[in-house]
Amino acid sequence: MNSIDYNRLLELKRLIKENKATKKERKEYMTLLYENGNISKEQYDKFLKDQNSDDIIGAALTIGGVVLATWLLSKLFGND
């Protein structure tokens, strides 16, 4: 897994979930997931074509939640 700023990912996820994220922040969130290999190029490209797609963002929020949960568990059990 690539190096990812989990704190930023968490903050962006929170903003998106609360409908407070700007288009730039939504794009940053998707870019973080894409560059880390958590979403496919096809998913990322679909997002770029229609940045307001609730389905794509909803799926990305779920994926981001899994990524963050995995990271937190690894911190909890010391498996950095």
N, C-alpha and C. Protein backbone atom coordinates (compact mmCIF):
# COMPACT_ATOMS: atom_id res chain seq x y z
N MET A 1 0.84 -1.18 0.00
CA MET A 1 0.00 0.00 0.00
C MET A 1 0.88 1.24 0.00
N ASN A 2 0.53 2.18 -0.80
CA ASN A 2 1.27 3.43 -0.87
C ASN A 2 1.10 4.23 0.41
N SER A 3 1.97 5.20 0.59
CA SER A 3 1.84 6.09 1.73
C SER A 3 0.63 6.99 1.52
N ILE A 4 -0.23 7.04 2.48
CA ILE A 4 -1.45 7.84 2.38
C ILE A 4 -1.62 8.63 3.67
N ASP A 5 -2.11 9.83 3.56
CA ASP A 5 -2.37 10.66 4.72
C ASP A 5 -3.74 10.27 5.29
N TYR A 6 -3.74 9.35 6.23
CA TYR A 6 -4.99 8.83 6.78
C TYR A 6 -5.79 9.89 7.51
N ASN A 7 -5.10 10.80 8.17
CA ASN A 7 -5.81 11.86 8.86
C ASN A 7 -6.56 12.75 7.88
N ARG A 8 -5.93 13.05 6.75
CA ARG A 8 -6.59 13.86 5.72
C ARG A 8 -7.75 13.08 5.10
N LEU A 9 -7.53 11.80 4.85
CA LEU A 9 -8.58 10.96 4.30
C LEU A 9 -9.79 10.95 5.23
N LEU A 10 -9.55 10.83 6.52
CA LEU A 10 -10.62 10.83 7.51
C LEU A 10 -11.37 12.16 7.51
N GLU A 11 -10.64 13.26 7.47
CA GLU A 11 -11.25 14.58 7.45
C GLU A 11 -12.10 14.78 6.19
N LEU A 12 -11.56 14.39 5.04
CA LEU A 12 -12.30 14.53 3.79
C LEU A 12 -13.56 13.66 3.81
N LYS A 13 -13.44 12.46 4.33
CA LYS A 13 -14.59 11.55 4.43
C LYS A 13 -15.68 12.18 5.29
N ARG A 14 -15.28 12.78 6.39
CA ARG A 14 -16.24 13.43 7.29
C ARG A 14 -16.94 14.59 6.58
N LEU A 15 -16.17 15.41 5.88
CA LEU A 15 -16.76 16.55 5.17
C LEU A 15 -17.75 16.10 4.10
N ILE A 16 -17.39 15.07 3.37
CA ILE A 16 -18.27 14.57 2.31
C ILE A 16 -19.54 14.00 2.91
N LYS A 17 -19.38 13.23 3.96
CA LYS A 17 -20.55 12.60 4.60
C LYS A 17 -21.52 13.65 5.14
N GLU A 18 -20.98 14.77 5.62
CA GLU A 18 -21.81 15.85 6.17
C GLU A 18 -22.26 16.85 5.10
N ASN A 19 -21.96 16.55 3.84
CA ASN A 19 -22.30 17.44 2.72
C ASN A 19 -21.68 18.84 2.86
N LYS A 20 -20.49 18.90 3.42
CA LYS A 20 -19.78 20.17 3.59
C LYS A 20 -18.54 20.27 2.71
N ALA A 21 -18.25 19.22 1.96
CA ALA A 21 -17.03 19.19 1.14
C ALA A 21 -17.24 20.00 -0.14
N THR A 22 -16.20 20.71 -0.52
CA THR A 22 -16.20 21.42 -1.80
C THR A 22 -15.91 20.42 -2.90
N LYS A 23 -16.09 20.83 -4.15
CA LYS A 23 -15.74 19.95 -5.27
C LYS A 23 -14.27 19.59 -5.23
N LYS A 24 -13.44 20.55 -4.85
CA LYS A 24 -11.99 20.31 -4.75
C LYS A 24 -11.69 19.24 -3.69
N GLU A 25 -12.38 19.30 -2.56
CA GLU A 25 -12.16 18.32 -1.49
C GLU A 25 -12.67 16.94 -1.89
N ARG A 26 -13.80 16.89 -2.60
CA ARG A 26 -14.30 15.61 -3.09
C ARG A 26 -13.31 14.98 -4.06
N LYS A 27 -12.75 15.83 -4.94
CA LYS A 27 -11.76 15.33 -5.89
C LYS A 27 -10.50 14.86 -5.16
N GLU A 28 -10.07 15.60 -4.15
CA GLU A 28 -8.89 15.20 -3.37
C GLU A 28 -9.11 13.84 -2.72
N TYR A 29 -10.29 13.63 -2.17
CA TYR A 29 -10.64 12.35 -1.54
C TYR A 29 -10.54 11.21 -2.55
N MET A 30 -11.16 11.41 -3.70
CA MET A 30 -11.14 10.38 -4.74
C MET A 30 -9.72 10.15 -5.25
N THR A 31 -8.95 11.21 -5.37
CA THR A 31 -7.57 11.08 -5.84
C THR A 31 -6.73 10.29 -4.83
N LEU A 32 -6.92 10.56 -3.55
CA LEU A 32 -6.20 9.79 -2.52
C LEU A 32 -6.52 8.30 -2.63
N LEU A 33 -7.80 7.98 -2.78
CA LEU A 33 -8.18 6.57 -2.91
C LEU A 33 -7.61 5.96 -4.19
N TYR A 34 -7.65 6.69 -5.28
CA TYR A 34 -7.14 6.18 -6.56
C TYR A 34 -5.63 5.97 -6.49
N GLU A 35 -4.91 6.97 -6.04
CA GLU A 35 -3.44 6.86 -5.98
C GLU A 35 -2.98 5.79 -5.02
N ASN A 36 -3.80 5.46 -4.04
CA ASN A 36 -3.45 4.41 -3.08
C ASN A 36 -3.87 3.02 -3.57
N GLY A 37 -4.55 2.98 -4.72
CA GLY A 37 -4.97 1.70 -5.28
C GLY A 37 -6.25 1.15 -4.69
N ASN A 38 -7.03 2.00 -4.01
CA ASN A 38 -8.26 1.54 -3.39
C ASN A 38 -9.46 1.59 -4.33
N ILE A 39 -9.38 2.39 -5.37
CA ILE A 39 -10.42 2.40 -6.40
C ILE A 39 -9.73 2.25 -7.75
N SER A 40 -10.48 1.75 -8.71
CA SER A 40 -9.91 1.50 -10.04
C SER A 40 -9.85 2.78 -10.86
N LYS A 41 -9.10 2.71 -11.95
CA LYS A 41 -9.02 3.84 -12.88
C LYS A 41 -10.41 4.12 -13.45
N GLU A 42 -11.16 3.06 -13.72
CA GLU A 42 -12.51 3.23 -14.25
C GLU A 42 -13.41 3.98 -13.27
N GLN A 43 -13.34 3.63 -12.00
CA GLN A 43 -14.13 4.33 -10.99
C GLN A 43 -13.70 5.80 -10.89
N TYR A 44 -12.40 6.02 -10.91
CA TYR A 44 -11.88 7.38 -10.81
C TYR A 44 -12.29 8.20 -12.02
N ASP A 45 -12.17 7.62 -13.20
CA ASP A 45 -12.56 8.32 -14.43
C ASP A 45 -14.05 8.65 -14.44
N LYS A 46 -14.88 7.73 -13.97
CA LYS A 46 -16.31 7.99 -13.89
C LYS A 46 -16.59 9.16 -12.96
N PHE A 47 -15.87 9.20 -11.85
CA PHE A 47 -16.02 10.32 -10.93
C PHE A 47 -15.64 11.63 -11.61
N LEU A 48 -14.51 11.63 -12.31
CA LEU A 48 -14.06 12.86 -12.96
C LEU A 48 -15.06 13.36 -14.00
N LYS A 49 -15.74 12.44 -14.65
CA LYS A 49 -16.74 12.84 -15.66
C LYS A 49 -17.98 13.42 -15.01
N ASP A 50 -18.37 12.90 -13.86
CA ASP A 50 -19.58 13.35 -13.17
C ASP A 50 -19.29 13.45 -11.68
N GLN A 51 -18.68 14.55 -11.26
CA GLN A 51 -18.22 14.69 -9.88
C GLN A 51 -19.36 14.78 -8.87
N ASN A 52 -20.57 14.91 -9.33
CA ASN A 52 -21.70 14.98 -8.41
C ASN A 52 -22.45 13.66 -8.28
N SER A 53 -21.88 12.61 -8.83
CA SER A 53 -22.55 11.31 -8.79
C SER A 53 -22.60 10.78 -7.36
N ASP A 54 -23.80 10.70 -6.83
CA ASP A 54 -23.97 10.21 -5.46
C ASP A 54 -23.59 8.74 -5.33
N ASP A 55 -23.82 7.96 -6.39
CA ASP A 55 -23.48 6.53 -6.34
C ASP A 55 -21.97 6.32 -6.22
N ILE A 56 -21.21 7.06 -7.01
CA ILE A 56 -19.75 6.92 -6.98
C ILE A 56 -19.20 7.39 -5.64
N ILE A 57 -19.66 8.53 -5.17
CA ILE A 57 -19.19 9.05 -3.88
C ILE A 57 -19.61 8.11 -2.75
N GLY A 58 -20.82 7.59 -2.82
CA GLY A 58 -21.28 6.65 -1.78
C GLY A 58 -20.40 5.42 -1.70
N ALA A 59 -20.07 4.87 -2.85
CA ALA A 59 -19.17 3.71 -2.89
C ALA A 59 -17.79 4.08 -2.35
N ALA A 60 -17.32 5.25 -2.73
CA ALA A 60 -16.00 5.70 -2.27
C ALA A 60 -15.98 5.91 -0.76
N LEU A 61 -17.08 6.39 -0.20
CA LEU A 61 -17.14 6.56 1.25
C LEU A 61 -17.05 5.22 1.95
N THR A 62 -17.69 4.22 1.39
CA THR A 62 -17.60 2.87 1.96
C THR A 62 -16.17 2.34 1.87
N ILE A 63 -15.57 2.50 0.70
CA ILE A 63 -14.19 2.04 0.50
C ILE A 63 -13.26 2.78 1.45
N GLY A 64 -13.42 4.09 1.54
CA GLY A 64 -12.59 4.88 2.45
C GLY A 64 -12.76 4.45 3.90
N GLY A 65 -13.99 4.10 4.27
CA GLY A 65 -14.24 3.61 5.62
C GLY A 65 -13.49 2.33 5.92
N VAL A 66 -13.46 1.44 4.95
CA VAL A 66 -12.73 0.18 5.11
C VAL A 66 -11.23 0.45 5.22
N VAL A 67 -10.73 1.33 4.37
CA VAL A 67 -9.30 1.69 4.40
C VAL A 67 -8.94 2.27 5.76
N LEU A 68 -9.77 3.18 6.26
CA LEU A 68 -9.50 3.80 7.55
C LEU A 68 -9.62 2.80 8.69
N ALA A 69 -10.59 1.92 8.63
CA ALA A 69 -10.75 0.90 9.69
C ALA A 69 -9.53 -0.02 9.73
N THR A 70 -9.06 -0.42 8.56
CA THR A 70 -7.88 -1.27 8.47
C THR A 70 -6.67 -0.56 9.06
N TRP A 71 -6.51 0.72 8.73
CA TRP A 71 -5.39 1.51 9.25
C TRP A 71 -5.47 1.62 10.77
N LEU A 72 -6.67 1.91 11.28
CA LEU A 72 -6.83 2.04 12.72
C LEU A 72 -6.55 0.72 13.45
N LEU A 73 -7.01 -0.38 12.87
CA LEU A 73 -6.72 -1.69 13.49
C LEU A 73 -5.23 -1.98 13.48
N SER A 74 -4.56 -1.62 12.40
CA SER A 74 -3.11 -1.87 12.34
C SER A 74 -2.39 -1.02 13.40
N LYS A 75 -2.89 0.20 13.65
CA LYS A 75 -2.31 1.05 14.70
C LYS A 75 -2.58 0.45 16.07
N LEU A 76 -3.80 -0.03 16.25
CA LEU A 76 -4.20 -0.60 17.52
C LEU A 76 -3.36 -1.82 17.88
N PHE A 77 -3.08 -2.66 16.89
CA PHE A 77 -2.33 -3.88 17.14
C PHE A 77 -0.85 -3.75 16.81
N GLY A 78 -0.42 -2.54 16.47
CA GLY A 78 1.01 -2.25 16.27
C GLY A 78 1.62 -2.89 15.03
N ASN A 79 0.81 -3.10 13.98
CA ASN A 79 1.32 -3.69 12.74
C ASN A 79 1.58 -2.62 11.70
N ASP A 80 2.40 -1.64 12.01
CA ASP A 80 2.68 -0.54 11.08
C ASP A 80 3.30 -1.07 9.86
